[in-house]
C-alpha atoms as a PDB file:
ATOM      1  CA  MET A   1     124.969  20.206-253.090  1.00  0.00           C
ATOM      2  CA  SER A   2     124.109  19.960-249.422  1.00  0.00           C
ATOM      3  CA  HIS A   3     121.502  18.308-247.244  1.00  0.00           C
ATOM      4  CA  ILE A   4     120.565  18.152-243.567  1.00  0.00           C
ATOM      5  CA  GLU A   5     122.218  15.001-242.275  1.00  0.00           C
ATOM      6  CA  LEU A   6     120.889  14.966-238.720  1.00  0.00           C
ATOM      7  CA  THR A   7     118.534  16.687-236.378  1.00  0.00           C
ATOM      8  CA  ALA A   8     118.542  15.970-232.640  1.00  0.00           C
ATOM      9  CA  ILE A   9     115.863  15.011-230.175  1.00  0.00           C
ATOM     10  CA  ILE A  10     116.673  15.181-226.477  1.00  0.00           C
ATOM     11  CA  VAL A  11     115.480  12.061-224.643  1.00  0.00           C
ATOM     12  CA  ASP A  12     115.571  10.848-221.038  1.00  0.00           C
ATOM     13  CA  GLU A  13     117.347   7.575-221.817  1.00  0.00           C
ATOM     14  CA  TYR A  14     118.777   5.941-224.930  1.00  0.00           C
ATOM     15  CA  ASP A  15     117.329   2.425-224.872  1.00  0.00           C
ATOM     16  CA  PRO A  16     113.623   3.269-224.490  1.00  0.00           C
ATOM     17  CA  ALA A  17     114.002   5.937-227.162  1.00  0.00           C
ATOM     18  CA  ILE A  18     115.669   3.439-229.540  1.00  0.00           C
ATOM     19  CA  ALA A  19     112.834   0.959-228.839  1.00  0.00           C
ATOM     20  CA  PHE A  20     110.191   3.577-229.658  1.00  0.00           C
ATOM     21  CA  PHE A  21     111.792   4.775-232.886  1.00  0.00           C
ATOM     22  CA  VAL A  22     112.726   1.293-234.148  1.00  0.00           C
ATOM     23  CA  ASN A  23     109.903  -0.929-232.843  1.00  0.00           C
ATOM     24  CA  VAL A  24     107.011   1.563-232.932  1.00  0.00           C
ATOM     25  CA  LEU A  25     107.803   3.991-235.748  1.00  0.00           C
ATOM     26  CA  GLY A  26     109.675   1.417-237.843  1.00  0.00           C
ATOM     27  CA  PHE A  27     112.895   3.435-238.170  1.00  0.00           C
ATOM     28  CA  GLU A  28     116.310   1.862-238.667  1.00  0.00           C
ATOM     29  CA  LEU A  29     118.999   2.026-236.007  1.00  0.00           C
ATOM     30  CA  VAL A  30     121.853   3.481-238.096  1.00  0.00           C
ATOM     31  CA  GLU A  31     124.468   3.862-235.380  1.00  0.00           C
ATOM     32  CA  ASP A  32     124.899   3.260-231.661  1.00  0.00           C
ATOM     33  CA  SER A  33     128.470   4.044-230.629  1.00  0.00           C
ATOM     34  CA  PRO A  34     130.062   5.070-227.347  1.00  0.00           C
ATOM     35  CA  ALA A  35     131.078   8.731-227.050  1.00  0.00           C
ATOM     36  CA  VAL A  36     132.832  10.878-224.453  1.00  0.00           C
ATOM     37  CA  SER A  37     131.314  11.231-221.025  1.00  0.00           C
ATOM     38  CA  SER A  38     128.637  13.887-220.441  1.00  0.00           C
ATOM     39  CA  HIS A  39     128.908  16.900-218.148  1.00  0.00           C
ATOM     40  CA  ASP A  40     126.992  15.029-215.446  1.00  0.00           C
ATOM     41  CA  GLY A  41     129.330  11.998-215.597  1.00  0.00           C
ATOM     42  CA  HIS A  42     127.064   9.569-217.472  1.00  0.00           C
ATOM     43  CA  ALA A  43     128.352   7.634-220.435  1.00  0.00           C
ATOM     44  CA  LYS A  44     127.244   9.179-223.725  1.00  0.00           C
ATOM     45  CA  ARG A  45     126.394   7.383-226.919  1.00  0.00           C
ATOM     46  CA  TRP A  46     126.088   8.514-230.542  1.00  0.00           C
ATOM     47  CA  VAL A  47     122.669   7.067-231.443  1.00  0.00           C
ATOM     48  CA  VAL A  48     121.182   7.714-234.889  1.00  0.00           C
ATOM     49  CA  VAL A  49     117.866   6.448-236.234  1.00  0.00           C
ATOM     50  CA  ARG A  50     116.091   7.213-239.479  1.00  0.00           C
ATOM     51  CA  PRO A  51     113.160   6.089-241.554  1.00  0.00           C
ATOM     52  CA  PRO A  52     114.115   3.272-244.012  1.00  0.00           C
ATOM     53  CA  GLY A  53     115.602   4.738-247.176  1.00  0.00           C
ATOM     54  CA  ALA A  54     115.866   8.274-245.774  1.00  0.00           C
ATOM     55  CA  GLN A  55     119.048  10.384-245.868  1.00  0.00           C
ATOM     56  CA  THR A  56     118.255  12.547-242.874  1.00  0.00           C
ATOM     57  CA  GLY A  57     118.552  10.902-239.472  1.00  0.00           C
ATOM     58  CA  ILE A  58     117.713  11.772-235.903  1.00  0.00           C
ATOM     59  CA  LEU A  59     120.374  11.890-233.234  1.00  0.00           C
ATOM     60  CA  LEU A  60     118.851  10.625-229.995  1.00  0.00           C
ATOM     61  CA  ALA A  61     120.653  12.782-227.419  1.00  0.00           C
ATOM     62  CA  ARG A  62     120.336  11.826-223.744  1.00  0.00           C
ATOM     63  CA  ALA A  63     119.657  14.921-221.634  1.00  0.00           C
ATOM     64  CA  ASP A  64     122.798  16.208-219.960  1.00  0.00           C
ATOM     65  CA  GLY A  65     122.132  18.541-217.071  1.00  0.00           C
ATOM     66  CA  GLU A  66     119.056  20.297-215.732  1.00  0.00           C
ATOM     67  CA  ARG A  67     118.574  22.636-218.685  1.00  0.00           C
ATOM     68  CA  GLN A  68     118.445  19.755-221.177  1.00  0.00           C
ATOM     69  CA  ARG A  69     116.275  17.614-218.889  1.00  0.00           C
ATOM     70  CA  ALA A  70     113.785  20.515-218.773  1.00  0.00           C
ATOM     71  CA  ALA A  71     113.661  20.539-222.579  1.00  0.00           C
ATOM     72  CA  VAL A  72     112.726  16.824-222.936  1.00  0.00           C
ATOM     73  CA  GLY A  73     109.315  16.706-224.566  1.00  0.00           C
ATOM     74  CA  ASP A  74     109.219  20.481-225.095  1.00  0.00           C
ATOM     75  CA  GLN A  75     111.870  21.037-227.740  1.00  0.00           C
ATOM     76  CA  PHE A  76     109.428  22.788-230.002  1.00  0.00           C
ATOM     77  CA  ALA A  77     107.619  24.821-227.302  1.00  0.00           C
ATOM     78  CA  GLY A  78     104.430  22.765-227.626  1.00  0.00           C
ATOM     79  CA  ARG A  79     104.294  22.995-231.437  1.00  0.00           C
ATOM     80  CA  VAL A  80     104.637  20.196-233.919  1.00  0.00           C
ATOM     81  CA  GLY A  81     108.332  20.063-234.671  1.00  0.00           C
ATOM     82  CA  MET A  82     108.745  16.848-236.677  1.00  0.00           C
ATOM     83  CA  PHE A  83     106.839  15.701-239.743  1.00  0.00           C
ATOM     84  CA  LEU A  84     106.698  12.024-240.801  1.00  0.00           C
ATOM     85  CA  ARG A  85     105.231  11.453-244.278  1.00  0.00           C
ATOM     86  CA  VAL A  86     104.072   7.905-245.013  1.00  0.00           C
ATOM     87  CA  ASP A  87     102.813   6.157-248.173  1.00  0.00           C
ATOM     88  CA  ASP A  88      99.772   4.558-246.475  1.00  0.00           C
ATOM     89  CA  PHE A  89      98.293   6.926-243.896  1.00  0.00           C
ATOM     90  CA  GLU A  90      95.488   4.654-242.668  1.00  0.00           C
ATOM     91  CA  ALA A  91      97.785   1.649-242.158  1.00  0.00           C
ATOM     92  CA  ALA A  92     100.440   3.754-240.374  1.00  0.00           C
ATOM     93  CA  TYR A  93      97.799   5.401-238.177  1.00  0.00           C
ATOM     94  CA  ALA A  94      96.274   1.990-237.244  1.00  0.00           C
ATOM     95  CA  ARG A  95      99.728   0.520-236.508  1.00  0.00           C
ATOM     96  CA  LEU A  96     100.739   3.420-234.226  1.00  0.00           C
ATOM     97  CA  ARG A  97      97.378   3.306-232.389  1.00  0.00           C
ATOM     98  CA  ALA A  98      97.800  -0.437-231.849  1.00  0.00           C
ATOM     99  CA  ALA A  99     101.282   0.221-230.440  1.00  0.00           C
ATOM    100  CA  GLY A 100      99.857   2.608-227.873  1.00  0.00           C
ATOM    101  CA  VAL A 101     101.115   5.877-229.383  1.00  0.00           C
ATOM    102  CA  THR A 102      99.361   8.944-227.942  1.00  0.00           C
ATOM    103  CA  PHE A 103      97.437  11.037-230.439  1.00  0.00           C
ATOM    104  CA  VAL A 104      96.620  14.660-229.634  1.00  0.00           C
ATOM    105  CA  ARG A 105      93.461  14.846-231.806  1.00  0.00           C
ATOM    106  CA  GLU A 106      91.614  12.927-234.493  1.00  0.00           C
ATOM    107  CA  PRO A 107      92.969  12.695-238.073  1.00  0.00           C
ATOM    108  CA  ARG A 108      91.921  15.402-240.496  1.00  0.00           C
ATOM    109  CA  HIS A 109      92.228  16.018-244.221  1.00  0.00           C
ATOM    110  CA  GLU A 110      94.158  19.085-245.386  1.00  0.00           C
ATOM    111  CA  PRO A 111      95.173  20.303-248.846  1.00  0.00           C
ATOM    112  CA  TYR A 112      98.642  18.850-248.198  1.00  0.00           C
ATOM    113  CA  GLY A 113      97.337  15.391-247.201  1.00  0.00           C
ATOM    114  CA  SER A 114      95.801  13.543-244.306  1.00  0.00           C
ATOM    115  CA  VAL A 115      97.348  14.460-240.964  1.00  0.00           C
ATOM    116  CA  VAL A 116      97.226  13.562-237.271  1.00  0.00           C
ATOM    117  CA  VAL A 117      99.365  14.835-234.396  1.00  0.00           C
ATOM    118  CA  PHE A 118     101.097  12.287-232.157  1.00  0.00           C
ATOM    119  CA  LEU A 119     103.609  12.341-229.318  1.00  0.00           C
ATOM    120  CA  ASP A 120     106.972  10.646-229.415  1.00  0.00           C
ATOM    121  CA  ILE A 121     108.457   8.876-226.380  1.00  0.00           C
ATOM    122  CA  ALA A 122     109.793  12.191-225.045  1.00  0.00           C
ATOM    123  CA  GLY A 123     106.464  14.006-225.483  1.00  0.00           C
ATOM    124  CA  ASN A 124     107.393  16.052-228.594  1.00  0.00           C
ATOM    125  CA  ARG A 125     104.611  16.618-231.096  1.00  0.00           C
ATOM    126  CA  TRP A 126     104.829  15.095-234.589  1.00  0.00           C
ATOM    127  CA  ASP A 127     102.605  15.236-237.644  1.00  0.00           C
ATOM    128  CA  LEU A 128     101.932  11.892-239.276  1.00  0.00           C
ATOM    129  CA  LEU A 129     101.238  12.908-242.903  1.00  0.00           C
ATOM    130  CA  GLY A 130      99.677  10.874-245.644  1.00  0.00           C
ATOM    131  CA  PRO A 131     100.595  11.166-249.333  1.00  0.00           C
ATOM    132  CA  ARG A 132     100.164  14.543-250.989  1.00  0.00           C
ATOM    133  CA  PRO A 133      96.959  14.694-253.040  1.00  0.00           C
ATOM    134  CA  ALA A 134      97.406  14.307-256.796  1.00  0.00           C
END
């Protein structure tokens, strides 16, 4: 058996990204450990967040060098690249709006559930998905 353990999101800085994922999205900070120095001489950290109870986490990777800095907020070439399914769509949507999260358009109802596109702290597009219809 196998599973995807981590996926990475390139961010400008660690601490604001941690604050967004933990305080706004409600994720858990699973690990925040020092790592080797980056190519541009900044201290690196191994920072992992994930939704409560999830197996798969997100490595918050601070941009290292011009190429990576250029990818911040555009990791998925303007497409939705991350999908967060929640049990209570309306409550999650209201909570994120109250926290100042940027939404790209209004929520809509699709055969796979309610959905609305939002931007993370780096500017990447996410789908907030409600429960699948019965």
